[in-house]
mmCIF file of all heavy atoms, coordinates in Angstrom:
data_MODEL
# 
_entry.id   MODEL 
# 
loop_
_atom_site.group_PDB 
_atom_site.id 
_atom_site.type_symbol 
_atom_site.label_atom_id 
_atom_site.label_alt_id 
_atom_site.label_comp_id 
_atom_site.label_asym_id 
_atom_site.label_entity_id 
_atom_site.label_seq_id 
_atom_site.pdbx_PDB_ins_code 
_atom_site.Cartn_x 
_atom_site.Cartn_y 
_atom_site.Cartn_z 
_atom_site.occupancy 
_atom_site.B_iso_or_equiv 
_atom_site.pdbx_formal_charge 
_atom_site.auth_seq_id 
_atom_site.auth_comp_id 
_atom_site.auth_asym_id 
_atom_site.auth_atom_id 
_atom_site.pdbx_PDB_model_num 
ATOM 1   N N   . TYR A 1 1  ? 16.395 -0.515  25.371 1.00 0.00 ? 1  TYR A N   1 
ATOM 2   C CA  . TYR A 1 1  ? 17.480 0.422   25.424 1.00 0.00 ? 1  TYR A CA  1 
ATOM 3   C C   . TYR A 1 1  ? 17.423 1.396   24.218 1.00 0.00 ? 1  TYR A C   1 
ATOM 4   O O   . TYR A 1 1  ? 17.950 2.534   24.283 1.00 0.00 ? 1  TYR A O   1 
ATOM 5   C CB  . TYR A 1 1  ? 18.823 -0.226  25.476 1.00 0.00 ? 1  TYR A CB  1 
ATOM 6   C CG  . TYR A 1 1  ? 19.003 -1.027  26.775 1.00 0.00 ? 1  TYR A CG  1 
ATOM 7   C CD1 . TYR A 1 1  ? 19.126 -2.400  26.732 1.00 0.00 ? 1  TYR A CD1 1 
ATOM 8   C CD2 . TYR A 1 1  ? 18.992 -0.399  27.981 1.00 0.00 ? 1  TYR A CD2 1 
ATOM 9   C CE1 . TYR A 1 1  ? 19.320 -3.150  27.913 1.00 0.00 ? 1  TYR A CE1 1 
ATOM 10  C CE2 . TYR A 1 1  ? 19.196 -1.116  29.158 1.00 0.00 ? 1  TYR A CE2 1 
ATOM 11  C CZ  . TYR A 1 1  ? 19.306 -2.524  29.128 1.00 0.00 ? 1  TYR A CZ  1 
ATOM 12  O OH  . TYR A 1 1  ? 19.448 -3.232  30.267 1.00 0.00 ? 1  TYR A OH  1 
ATOM 13  N N   . ALA A 1 2  ? 16.913 0.918   23.046 1.00 0.00 ? 2  ALA A N   1 
ATOM 14  C CA  . ALA A 1 2  ? 16.953 1.765   21.890 1.00 0.00 ? 2  ALA A CA  1 
ATOM 15  C C   . ALA A 1 2  ? 15.508 2.177   21.460 1.00 0.00 ? 2  ALA A C   1 
ATOM 16  O O   . ALA A 1 2  ? 15.282 3.369   21.107 1.00 0.00 ? 2  ALA A O   1 
ATOM 17  C CB  . ALA A 1 2  ? 17.656 1.042   20.655 1.00 0.00 ? 2  ALA A CB  1 
ATOM 18  N N   . ASN A 1 3  ? 14.629 1.203   21.420 1.00 0.00 ? 3  ASN A N   1 
ATOM 19  C CA  . ASN A 1 3  ? 13.213 1.446   21.052 1.00 0.00 ? 3  ASN A CA  1 
ATOM 20  C C   . ASN A 1 3  ? 13.063 2.075   19.672 1.00 0.00 ? 3  ASN A C   1 
ATOM 21  O O   . ASN A 1 3  ? 12.403 3.032   19.447 1.00 0.00 ? 3  ASN A O   1 
ATOM 22  C CB  . ASN A 1 3  ? 12.511 2.371   22.095 1.00 0.00 ? 3  ASN A CB  1 
ATOM 23  C CG  . ASN A 1 3  ? 10.983 2.287   21.961 1.00 0.00 ? 3  ASN A CG  1 
ATOM 24  O OD1 . ASN A 1 3  ? 10.441 1.313   21.399 1.00 0.00 ? 3  ASN A OD1 1 
ATOM 25  N ND2 . ASN A 1 3  ? 10.299 3.302   22.437 1.00 0.00 ? 3  ASN A ND2 1 
ATOM 26  N N   . THR A 1 4  ? 13.796 1.465   18.682 1.00 0.00 ? 4  THR A N   1 
ATOM 27  C CA  . THR A 1 4  ? 13.741 1.903   17.306 1.00 0.00 ? 4  THR A CA  1 
ATOM 28  C C   . THR A 1 4  ? 13.372 0.679   16.450 1.00 0.00 ? 4  THR A C   1 
ATOM 29  O O   . THR A 1 4  ? 13.192 -0.415  16.955 1.00 0.00 ? 4  THR A O   1 
ATOM 30  C CB  . THR A 1 4  ? 15.104 2.474   16.858 1.00 0.00 ? 4  THR A CB  1 
ATOM 31  O OG1 . THR A 1 4  ? 16.078 1.413   16.837 1.00 0.00 ? 4  THR A OG1 1 
ATOM 32  C CG2 . THR A 1 4  ? 15.583 3.605   17.727 1.00 0.00 ? 4  THR A CG2 1 
ATOM 33  N N   . GLU A 1 5  ? 13.274 0.933   15.154 1.00 0.00 ? 5  GLU A N   1 
ATOM 34  C CA  . GLU A 1 5  ? 13.070 -0.202  14.275 1.00 0.00 ? 5  GLU A CA  1 
ATOM 35  C C   . GLU A 1 5  ? 14.343 -1.095  14.281 1.00 0.00 ? 5  GLU A C   1 
ATOM 36  O O   . GLU A 1 5  ? 15.439 -0.654  14.537 1.00 0.00 ? 5  GLU A O   1 
ATOM 37  C CB  . GLU A 1 5  ? 12.852 0.339   12.869 1.00 0.00 ? 5  GLU A CB  1 
ATOM 38  C CG  . GLU A 1 5  ? 11.546 1.028   12.620 1.00 0.00 ? 5  GLU A CG  1 
ATOM 39  C CD  . GLU A 1 5  ? 11.354 1.434   11.212 1.00 0.00 ? 5  GLU A CD  1 
ATOM 40  O OE1 . GLU A 1 5  ? 12.305 1.328   10.385 1.00 0.00 ? 5  GLU A OE1 1 
ATOM 41  O OE2 . GLU A 1 5  ? 10.197 1.771   10.837 1.00 0.00 ? 5  GLU A OE2 1 
ATOM 42  N N   . ILE A 1 6  ? 14.094 -2.340  13.997 1.00 0.00 ? 6  ILE A N   1 
ATOM 43  C CA  . ILE A 1 6  ? 15.159 -3.376  14.002 1.00 0.00 ? 6  ILE A CA  1 
ATOM 44  C C   . ILE A 1 6  ? 15.287 -3.956  12.596 1.00 0.00 ? 6  ILE A C   1 
ATOM 45  O O   . ILE A 1 6  ? 14.322 -4.454  12.088 1.00 0.00 ? 6  ILE A O   1 
ATOM 46  C CB  . ILE A 1 6  ? 14.898 -4.499  15.012 1.00 0.00 ? 6  ILE A CB  1 
ATOM 47  C CG1 . ILE A 1 6  ? 14.784 -3.918  16.455 1.00 0.00 ? 6  ILE A CG1 1 
ATOM 48  C CG2 . ILE A 1 6  ? 15.998 -5.549  14.967 1.00 0.00 ? 6  ILE A CG2 1 
ATOM 49  C CD1 . ILE A 1 6  ? 14.310 -4.922  17.515 1.00 0.00 ? 6  ILE A CD1 1 
ATOM 50  N N   . ASN A 1 7  ? 16.439 -3.851  12.059 1.00 0.00 ? 7  ASN A N   1 
ATOM 51  C CA  . ASN A 1 7  ? 16.711 -4.361  10.736 1.00 0.00 ? 7  ASN A CA  1 
ATOM 52  C C   . ASN A 1 7  ? 17.215 -5.839  10.803 1.00 0.00 ? 7  ASN A C   1 
ATOM 53  O O   . ASN A 1 7  ? 18.176 -6.120  11.503 1.00 0.00 ? 7  ASN A O   1 
ATOM 54  C CB  . ASN A 1 7  ? 17.756 -3.563  9.978  1.00 0.00 ? 7  ASN A CB  1 
ATOM 55  C CG  . ASN A 1 7  ? 17.248 -2.169  9.653  1.00 0.00 ? 7  ASN A CG  1 
ATOM 56  O OD1 . ASN A 1 7  ? 16.051 -2.009  9.330  1.00 0.00 ? 7  ASN A OD1 1 
ATOM 57  N ND2 . ASN A 1 7  ? 18.108 -1.179  9.655  1.00 0.00 ? 7  ASN A ND2 1 
ATOM 58  N N   . LEU A 1 8  ? 16.548 -6.736  10.099 1.00 0.00 ? 8  LEU A N   1 
ATOM 59  C CA  . LEU A 1 8  ? 16.974 -8.100  10.063 1.00 0.00 ? 8  LEU A CA  1 
ATOM 60  C C   . LEU A 1 8  ? 17.722 -8.336  8.767  1.00 0.00 ? 8  LEU A C   1 
ATOM 61  O O   . LEU A 1 8  ? 17.312 -7.909  7.718  1.00 0.00 ? 8  LEU A O   1 
ATOM 62  C CB  . LEU A 1 8  ? 15.726 -9.019  10.077 1.00 0.00 ? 8  LEU A CB  1 
ATOM 63  C CG  . LEU A 1 8  ? 15.890 -10.530 9.859  1.00 0.00 ? 8  LEU A CG  1 
ATOM 64  C CD1 . LEU A 1 8  ? 16.721 -11.130 10.929 1.00 0.00 ? 8  LEU A CD1 1 
ATOM 65  C CD2 . LEU A 1 8  ? 14.605 -11.210 9.661  1.00 0.00 ? 8  LEU A CD2 1 
ATOM 66  N N   . SER A 1 9  ? 18.861 -9.029  8.882  1.00 0.00 ? 9  SER A N   1 
ATOM 67  C CA  . SER A 1 9  ? 19.637 -9.386  7.718  1.00 0.00 ? 9  SER A CA  1 
ATOM 68  C C   . SER A 1 9  ? 20.140 -10.776 7.847  1.00 0.00 ? 9  SER A C   1 
ATOM 69  O O   . SER A 1 9  ? 20.379 -11.250 8.960  1.00 0.00 ? 9  SER A O   1 
ATOM 70  C CB  . SER A 1 9  ? 20.814 -8.394  7.511  1.00 0.00 ? 9  SER A CB  1 
ATOM 71  O OG  . SER A 1 9  ? 21.723 -8.436  8.634  1.00 0.00 ? 9  SER A OG  1 
ATOM 72  N N   . ILE A 1 10 ? 20.346 -11.500 6.683  1.00 0.00 ? 10 ILE A N   1 
ATOM 73  C CA  . ILE A 1 10 ? 20.698 -12.888 6.662  1.00 0.00 ? 10 ILE A CA  1 
ATOM 74  C C   . ILE A 1 10 ? 21.903 -13.025 5.699  1.00 0.00 ? 10 ILE A C   1 
ATOM 75  O O   . ILE A 1 10 ? 21.923 -12.431 4.584  1.00 0.00 ? 10 ILE A O   1 
ATOM 76  C CB  . ILE A 1 10 ? 19.591 -13.813 6.189  1.00 0.00 ? 10 ILE A CB  1 
ATOM 77  C CG1 . ILE A 1 10 ? 18.334 -13.549 6.985  1.00 0.00 ? 10 ILE A CG1 1 
ATOM 78  C CG2 . ILE A 1 10 ? 20.022 -15.261 6.222  1.00 0.00 ? 10 ILE A CG2 1 
ATOM 79  C CD1 . ILE A 1 10 ? 18.442 -14.101 8.458  1.00 0.00 ? 10 ILE A CD1 1 
ATOM 80  N N   . HIS A 1 11 ? 22.929 -13.751 6.096  1.00 0.00 ? 11 HIS A N   1 
ATOM 81  C CA  . HIS A 1 11 ? 23.983 -14.184 5.177  1.00 0.00 ? 11 HIS A CA  1 
ATOM 82  C C   . HIS A 1 11 ? 24.563 -15.510 5.618  1.00 0.00 ? 11 HIS A C   1 
ATOM 83  O O   . HIS A 1 11 ? 24.365 -15.906 6.760  1.00 0.00 ? 11 HIS A O   1 
ATOM 84  C CB  . HIS A 1 11 ? 25.043 -13.049 5.024  1.00 0.00 ? 11 HIS A CB  1 
ATOM 85  C CG  . HIS A 1 11 ? 25.864 -12.877 6.245  1.00 0.00 ? 11 HIS A CG  1 
ATOM 86  N ND1 . HIS A 1 11 ? 25.386 -12.118 7.367  1.00 0.00 ? 11 HIS A ND1 1 
ATOM 87  C CD2 . HIS A 1 11 ? 27.111 -13.272 6.596  1.00 0.00 ? 11 HIS A CD2 1 
ATOM 88  C CE1 . HIS A 1 11 ? 26.314 -12.051 8.306  1.00 0.00 ? 11 HIS A CE1 1 
ATOM 89  N NE2 . HIS A 1 11 ? 27.380 -12.747 7.866  1.00 0.00 ? 11 HIS A NE2 1 
ATOM 90  N N   . MET A 1 12 ? 25.285 -16.130 4.747  1.00 0.00 ? 12 MET A N   1 
ATOM 91  C CA  . MET A 1 12 ? 25.824 -17.456 4.996  1.00 0.00 ? 12 MET A CA  1 
ATOM 92  C C   . MET A 1 12 ? 27.288 -17.570 4.533  1.00 0.00 ? 12 MET A C   1 
ATOM 93  O O   . MET A 1 12 ? 27.704 -16.802 3.705  1.00 0.00 ? 12 MET A O   1 
ATOM 94  C CB  . MET A 1 12 ? 25.010 -18.556 4.262  1.00 0.00 ? 12 MET A CB  1 
ATOM 95  C CG  . MET A 1 12 ? 23.535 -18.545 4.586  1.00 0.00 ? 12 MET A CG  1 
ATOM 96  S SD  . MET A 1 12 ? 22.561 -19.672 3.494  1.00 0.00 ? 12 MET A SD  1 
ATOM 97  C CE  . MET A 1 12 ? 23.461 -21.156 3.622  1.00 0.00 ? 12 MET A CE  1 
ATOM 98  N N   . ASP A 1 13 ? 27.993 -18.505 5.111  1.00 0.00 ? 13 ASP A N   1 
ATOM 99  C CA  . ASP A 1 13 ? 29.271 -18.904 4.595  1.00 0.00 ? 13 ASP A CA  1 
ATOM 100 C C   . ASP A 1 13 ? 29.354 -20.457 4.575  1.00 0.00 ? 13 ASP A C   1 
ATOM 101 O O   . ASP A 1 13 ? 28.285 -21.054 4.631  1.00 0.00 ? 13 ASP A O   1 
ATOM 102 C CB  . ASP A 1 13 ? 30.481 -18.338 5.365  1.00 0.00 ? 13 ASP A CB  1 
ATOM 103 C CG  . ASP A 1 13 ? 30.495 -18.687 6.827  1.00 0.00 ? 13 ASP A CG  1 
ATOM 104 O OD1 . ASP A 1 13 ? 29.834 -19.749 7.196  1.00 0.00 ? 13 ASP A OD1 1 
ATOM 105 O OD2 . ASP A 1 13 ? 31.133 -18.020 7.689  1.00 0.00 ? 13 ASP A OD2 1 
ATOM 106 N N   . GLU A 1 14 ? 30.518 -21.014 4.532  1.00 0.00 ? 14 GLU A N   1 
ATOM 107 C CA  . GLU A 1 14 ? 30.557 -22.491 4.374  1.00 0.00 ? 14 GLU A CA  1 
ATOM 108 C C   . GLU A 1 14 ? 30.231 -23.263 5.626  1.00 0.00 ? 14 GLU A C   1 
ATOM 109 O O   . GLU A 1 14 ? 29.918 -24.419 5.585  1.00 0.00 ? 14 GLU A O   1 
ATOM 110 C CB  . GLU A 1 14 ? 31.998 -22.856 3.940  1.00 0.00 ? 14 GLU A CB  1 
ATOM 111 C CG  . GLU A 1 14 ? 32.393 -22.361 2.545  1.00 0.00 ? 14 GLU A CG  1 
ATOM 112 C CD  . GLU A 1 14 ? 33.816 -22.804 2.237  1.00 0.00 ? 14 GLU A CD  1 
ATOM 113 O OE1 . GLU A 1 14 ? 34.529 -23.328 3.053  1.00 0.00 ? 14 GLU A OE1 1 
ATOM 114 O OE2 . GLU A 1 14 ? 34.259 -22.519 1.027  1.00 0.00 ? 14 GLU A OE2 1 
ATOM 115 N N   . GLU A 1 15 ? 30.229 -22.510 6.779  1.00 0.00 ? 15 GLU A N   1 
ATOM 116 C CA  . GLU A 1 15 ? 30.007 -23.219 8.029  1.00 0.00 ? 15 GLU A CA  1 
ATOM 117 C C   . GLU A 1 15 ? 28.748 -22.686 8.799  1.00 0.00 ? 15 GLU A C   1 
ATOM 118 O O   . GLU A 1 15 ? 28.092 -23.491 9.432  1.00 0.00 ? 15 GLU A O   1 
ATOM 119 C CB  . GLU A 1 15 ? 31.231 -23.042 8.967  1.00 0.00 ? 15 GLU A CB  1 
ATOM 120 C CG  . GLU A 1 15 ? 32.494 -23.706 8.502  1.00 0.00 ? 15 GLU A CG  1 
ATOM 121 C CD  . GLU A 1 15 ? 33.598 -23.610 9.584  1.00 0.00 ? 15 GLU A CD  1 
ATOM 122 O OE1 . GLU A 1 15 ? 33.414 -24.117 10.676 1.00 0.00 ? 15 GLU A OE1 1 
ATOM 123 O OE2 . GLU A 1 15 ? 34.602 -22.952 9.244  1.00 0.00 ? 15 GLU A OE2 1 
ATOM 124 N N   . TYR A 1 16 ? 28.452 -21.416 8.626  1.00 0.00 ? 16 TYR A N   1 
ATOM 125 C CA  . TYR A 1 16 ? 27.416 -20.811 9.494  1.00 0.00 ? 16 TYR A CA  1 
ATOM 126 C C   . TYR A 1 16 ? 26.320 -20.121 8.681  1.00 0.00 ? 16 TYR A C   1 
ATOM 127 O O   . TYR A 1 16 ? 26.559 -19.590 7.541  1.00 0.00 ? 16 TYR A O   1 
ATOM 128 C CB  . TYR A 1 16 ? 28.061 -19.856 10.460 1.00 0.00 ? 16 TYR A CB  1 
ATOM 129 C CG  . TYR A 1 16 ? 28.972 -20.456 11.496 1.00 0.00 ? 16 TYR A CG  1 
ATOM 130 C CD1 . TYR A 1 16 ? 30.345 -20.432 11.304 1.00 0.00 ? 16 TYR A CD1 1 
ATOM 131 C CD2 . TYR A 1 16 ? 28.465 -21.021 12.669 1.00 0.00 ? 16 TYR A CD2 1 
ATOM 132 C CE1 . TYR A 1 16 ? 31.216 -21.025 12.233 1.00 0.00 ? 16 TYR A CE1 1 
ATOM 133 C CE2 . TYR A 1 16 ? 29.307 -21.624 13.578 1.00 0.00 ? 16 TYR A CE2 1 
ATOM 134 C CZ  . TYR A 1 16 ? 30.662 -21.582 13.374 1.00 0.00 ? 16 TYR A CZ  1 
ATOM 135 O OH  . TYR A 1 16 ? 31.528 -22.151 14.303 1.00 0.00 ? 16 TYR A OH  1 
ATOM 136 N N   . PHE A 1 17 ? 25.205 -20.049 9.324  1.00 0.00 ? 17 PHE A N   1 
ATOM 137 C CA  . PHE A 1 17 ? 24.036 -19.327 8.835  1.00 0.00 ? 17 PHE A CA  1 
ATOM 138 C C   . PHE A 1 17 ? 23.842 -18.131 9.804  1.00 0.00 ? 17 PHE A C   1 
ATOM 139 O O   . PHE A 1 17 ? 23.527 -18.344 10.975 1.00 0.00 ? 17 PHE A O   1 
ATOM 140 C CB  . PHE A 1 17 ? 22.772 -20.216 8.839  1.00 0.00 ? 17 PHE A CB  1 
ATOM 141 C CG  . PHE A 1 17 ? 21.503 -19.571 8.285  1.00 0.00 ? 17 PHE A CG  1 
ATOM 142 C CD1 . PHE A 1 17 ? 21.230 -19.719 6.880  1.00 0.00 ? 17 PHE A CD1 1 
ATOM 143 C CD2 . PHE A 1 17 ? 20.714 -18.803 9.077  1.00 0.00 ? 17 PHE A CD2 1 
ATOM 144 C CE1 . PHE A 1 17 ? 20.090 -19.076 6.401  1.00 0.00 ? 17 PHE A CE1 1 
ATOM 145 C CE2 . PHE A 1 17 ? 19.586 -18.195 8.584  1.00 0.00 ? 17 PHE A CE2 1 
ATOM 146 C CZ  . PHE A 1 17 ? 19.267 -18.352 7.276  1.00 0.00 ? 17 PHE A CZ  1 
ATOM 147 N N   . TYR A 1 18 ? 24.086 -16.907 9.340  1.00 0.00 ? 18 TYR A N   1 
ATOM 148 C CA  . TYR A 1 18 ? 24.162 -15.723 10.209 1.00 0.00 ? 18 TYR A CA  1 
ATOM 149 C C   . TYR A 1 18 ? 22.774 -14.983 10.166 1.00 0.00 ? 18 TYR A C   1 
ATOM 150 O O   . TYR A 1 18 ? 22.268 -14.633 9.105  1.00 0.00 ? 18 TYR A O   1 
ATOM 151 C CB  . TYR A 1 18 ? 25.257 -14.796 9.780  1.00 0.00 ? 18 TYR A CB  1 
ATOM 152 C CG  . TYR A 1 18 ? 26.640 -15.396 9.866  1.00 0.00 ? 18 TYR A CG  1 
ATOM 153 C CD1 . TYR A 1 18 ? 27.255 -15.955 8.759  1.00 0.00 ? 18 TYR A CD1 1 
ATOM 154 C CD2 . TYR A 1 18 ? 27.249 -15.436 11.126 1.00 0.00 ? 18 TYR A CD2 1 
ATOM 155 C CE1 . TYR A 1 18 ? 28.500 -16.493 8.847  1.00 0.00 ? 18 TYR A CE1 1 
ATOM 156 C CE2 . TYR A 1 18 ? 28.617 -16.008 11.187 1.00 0.00 ? 18 TYR A CE2 1 
ATOM 157 C CZ  . TYR A 1 18 ? 29.178 -16.499 10.061 1.00 0.00 ? 18 TYR A CZ  1 
ATOM 158 O OH  . TYR A 1 18 ? 30.458 -17.053 10.171 1.00 0.00 ? 18 TYR A OH  1 
ATOM 159 N N   . VAL A 1 19 ? 22.283 -14.664 11.343 1.00 0.00 ? 19 VAL A N   1 
ATOM 160 C CA  . VAL A 1 19 ? 21.114 -13.851 11.513 1.00 0.00 ? 19 VAL A CA  1 
ATOM 161 C C   . VAL A 1 19 ? 21.503 -12.613 12.302 1.00 0.00 ? 19 VAL A C   1 
ATOM 162 O O   . VAL A 1 19 ? 21.957 -12.701 13.454 1.00 0.00 ? 19 VAL A O   1 
ATOM 163 C CB  . VAL A 1 19 ? 20.010 -14.638 12.282 1.00 0.00 ? 19 VAL A CB  1 
ATOM 164 C CG1 . VAL A 1 19 ? 18.760 -13.740 12.435 1.00 0.00 ? 19 VAL A CG1 1 
ATOM 165 C CG2 . VAL A 1 19 ? 19.653 -15.917 11.567 1.00 0.00 ? 19 VAL A CG2 1 
ATOM 166 N N   . SER A 1 20 ? 21.347 -11.450 11.696 1.00 0.00 ? 20 SER A N   1 
ATOM 167 C CA  . SER A 1 20 ? 21.784 -10.168 12.314 1.00 0.00 ? 20 SER A CA  1 
ATOM 168 C C   . SER A 1 20 ? 20.506 -9.340  12.639 1.00 0.00 ? 20 SER A C   1 
ATOM 169 O O   . SER A 1 20 ? 19.621 -9.188  11.755 1.00 0.00 ? 20 SER A O   1 
ATOM 170 C CB  . SER A 1 20 ? 22.703 -9.403  11.410 1.00 0.00 ? 20 SER A CB  1 
ATOM 171 O OG  . SER A 1 20 ? 23.878 -10.100 11.155 1.00 0.00 ? 20 SER A OG  1 
ATOM 172 N N   . LEU A 1 21 ? 20.526 -8.768  13.853 1.00 0.00 ? 21 LEU A N   1 
ATOM 173 C CA  . LEU A 1 21 ? 19.400 -7.892  14.262 1.00 0.00 ? 21 LEU A CA  1 
ATOM 174 C C   . LEU A 1 21 ? 20.091 -6.577  14.794 1.00 0.00 ? 21 LEU A C   1 
ATOM 175 O O   . LEU A 1 21 ? 20.845 -6.637  15.727 1.00 0.00 ? 21 LEU A O   1 
ATOM 176 C CB  . LEU A 1 21 ? 18.614 -8.531  15.388 1.00 0.00 ? 21 LEU A CB  1 
ATOM 177 C CG  . LEU A 1 21 ? 17.793 -9.736  14.994 1.00 0.00 ? 21 LEU A CG  1 
ATOM 178 C CD1 . LEU A 1 21 ? 17.273 -10.528 16.242 1.00 0.00 ? 21 LEU A CD1 1 
ATOM 179 C CD2 . LEU A 1 21 ? 16.589 -9.335  14.105 1.00 0.00 ? 21 LEU A CD2 1 
ATOM 180 N N   . GLY A 1 22 ? 19.839 -5.476  14.043 1.00 0.00 ? 22 GLY A N   1 
ATOM 181 C CA  . GLY A 1 22 ? 20.476 -4.210  14.451 1.00 0.00 ? 22 GLY A CA  1 
ATOM 182 C C   . GLY A 1 22 ? 19.487 -3.085  14.621 1.00 0.00 ? 22 GLY A C   1 
ATOM 183 O O   . GLY A 1 22 ? 18.582 -2.947  13.754 1.00 0.00 ? 22 GLY A O   1 
ATOM 184 N N   . ASP A 1 23 ? 19.630 -2.275  15.663 1.00 0.00 ? 23 ASP A N   1 
ATOM 185 C CA  . ASP A 1 23 ? 18.737 -1.142  15.904 1.00 0.00 ? 23 ASP A CA  1 
ATOM 186 C C   . ASP A 1 23 ? 19.366 0.133   15.430 1.00 0.00 ? 23 ASP A C   1 
ATOM 187 O O   . ASP A 1 23 ? 20.488 0.140   14.890 1.00 0.00 ? 23 ASP A O   1 
ATOM 188 C CB  . ASP A 1 23 ? 18.257 -1.092  17.349 1.00 0.00 ? 23 ASP A CB  1 
ATOM 189 C CG  . ASP A 1 23 ? 19.408 -1.026  18.341 1.00 0.00 ? 23 ASP A CG  1 
ATOM 190 O OD1 . ASP A 1 23 ? 20.397 -0.248  18.031 1.00 0.00 ? 23 ASP A OD1 1 
ATOM 191 O OD2 . ASP A 1 23 ? 19.439 -1.696  19.400 1.00 0.00 ? 23 ASP A OD2 1 
ATOM 192 N N   . LYS A 1 24 ? 18.728 1.281   15.739 1.00 0.00 ? 24 LYS A N   1 
ATOM 193 C CA  . LYS A 1 24 ? 19.286 2.623   15.375 1.00 0.00 ? 24 LYS A CA  1 
ATOM 194 C C   . LYS A 1 24 ? 19.424 3.493   16.598 1.00 0.00 ? 24 LYS A C   1 
ATOM 195 O O   . LYS A 1 24 ? 19.295 4.710   16.586 1.00 0.00 ? 24 LYS A O   1 
ATOM 196 C CB  . LYS A 1 24 ? 18.277 3.291   14.380 1.00 0.00 ? 24 LYS A CB  1 
ATOM 197 C CG  . LYS A 1 24 ? 17.975 2.505   13.126 1.00 0.00 ? 24 LYS A CG  1 
ATOM 198 C CD  . LYS A 1 24 ? 19.229 2.418   12.258 1.00 0.00 ? 24 LYS A CD  1 
ATOM 199 C CE  . LYS A 1 24 ? 18.869 1.735   10.952 1.00 0.00 ? 24 LYS A CE  1 
ATOM 200 N NZ  . LYS A 1 24 ? 20.082 1.655   10.099 1.00 0.00 ? 24 LYS A NZ  1 
ATOM 201 N N   . GLY A 1 25 ? 19.717 2.825   17.735 1.00 0.00 ? 25 GLY A N   1 
ATOM 202 C CA  . GLY A 1 25 ? 19.793 3.566   19.005 1.00 0.00 ? 25 GLY A CA  1 
ATOM 203 C C   . GLY A 1 25 ? 21.074 4.173   19.365 1.00 0.00 ? 25 GLY A C   1 
ATOM 204 O O   . GLY A 1 25 ? 21.318 4.607   20.518 1.00 0.00 ? 25 GLY A O   1 
ATOM 205 N N   . GLY A 1 26 ? 22.057 4.233   18.470 1.00 0.00 ? 26 GLY A N   1 
ATOM 206 C CA  . GLY A 1 26 ? 23.333 4.864   18.736 1.00 0.00 ? 26 GLY A CA  1 
ATOM 207 C C   . GLY A 1 26 ? 24.448 3.895   19.272 1.00 0.00 ? 26 GLY A C   1 
ATOM 208 O O   . GLY A 1 26 ? 25.592 4.340   19.430 1.00 0.00 ? 26 GLY A O   1 
ATOM 209 N N   . GLY A 1 27 ? 24.082 2.670   19.535 1.00 0.00 ? 27 GLY A N   1 
ATOM 210 C CA  . GLY A 1 27 ? 25.050 1.711   19.989 1.00 0.00 ? 27 GLY A CA  1 
ATOM 211 C C   . GLY A 1 27 ? 25.438 1.851   21.411 1.00 0.00 ? 27 GLY A C   1 
ATOM 212 O O   . GLY A 1 27 ? 24.834 2.589   22.201 1.00 0.00 ? 27 GLY A O   1 
ATOM 213 N N   . VAL A 1 28 ? 26.535 1.204   21.790 1.00 0.00 ? 28 VAL A N   1 
ATOM 214 C CA  . VAL A 1 28 ? 27.033 1.217   23.206 1.00 0.00 ? 28 VAL A CA  1 
ATOM 215 C C   . VAL A 1 28 ? 28.464 1.814   23.250 1.00 0.00 ? 28 VAL A C   1 
ATOM 216 O O   . VAL A 1 28 ? 29.086 1.954   22.140 1.00 0.00 ? 28 VAL A O   1 
ATOM 217 C CB  . VAL A 1 28 ? 27.057 -0.170  23.862 1.00 0.00 ? 28 VAL A CB  1 
ATOM 218 C CG1 . VAL A 1 28 ? 25.684 -0.800  23.885 1.00 0.00 ? 28 VAL A CG1 1 
ATOM 219 C CG2 . VAL A 1 28 ? 28.000 -1.120  23.068 1.00 0.00 ? 28 VAL A CG2 1 
ATOM 220 N N   . SER A 1 29 ? 28.963 2.148   24.389 1.00 0.00 ? 29 SER A N   1 
ATOM 221 C CA  . SER A 1 29 ? 30.286 2.704   24.519 1.00 0.00 ? 29 SER A CA  1 
ATOM 222 C C   . SER A 1 29 ? 31.321 1.645   24.082 1.00 0.00 ? 29 SER A C   1 
ATOM 223 O O   . SER A 1 29 ? 31.162 0.453   24.322 1.00 0.00 ? 29 SER A O   1 
ATOM 224 C CB  . SER A 1 29 ? 30.528 3.102   25.947 1.00 0.00 ? 29 SER A CB  1 
ATOM 225 O OG  . SER A 1 29 ? 31.850 3.395   26.223 1.00 0.00 ? 29 SER A OG  1 
# 
């Protein structure tokens, strides 16, 4: 749907290990 680069980011809190994948395709409605 976007066909752009995907940025990977990592962060943590006391309970979870978060893995985020975000593109540059303008998002959804």
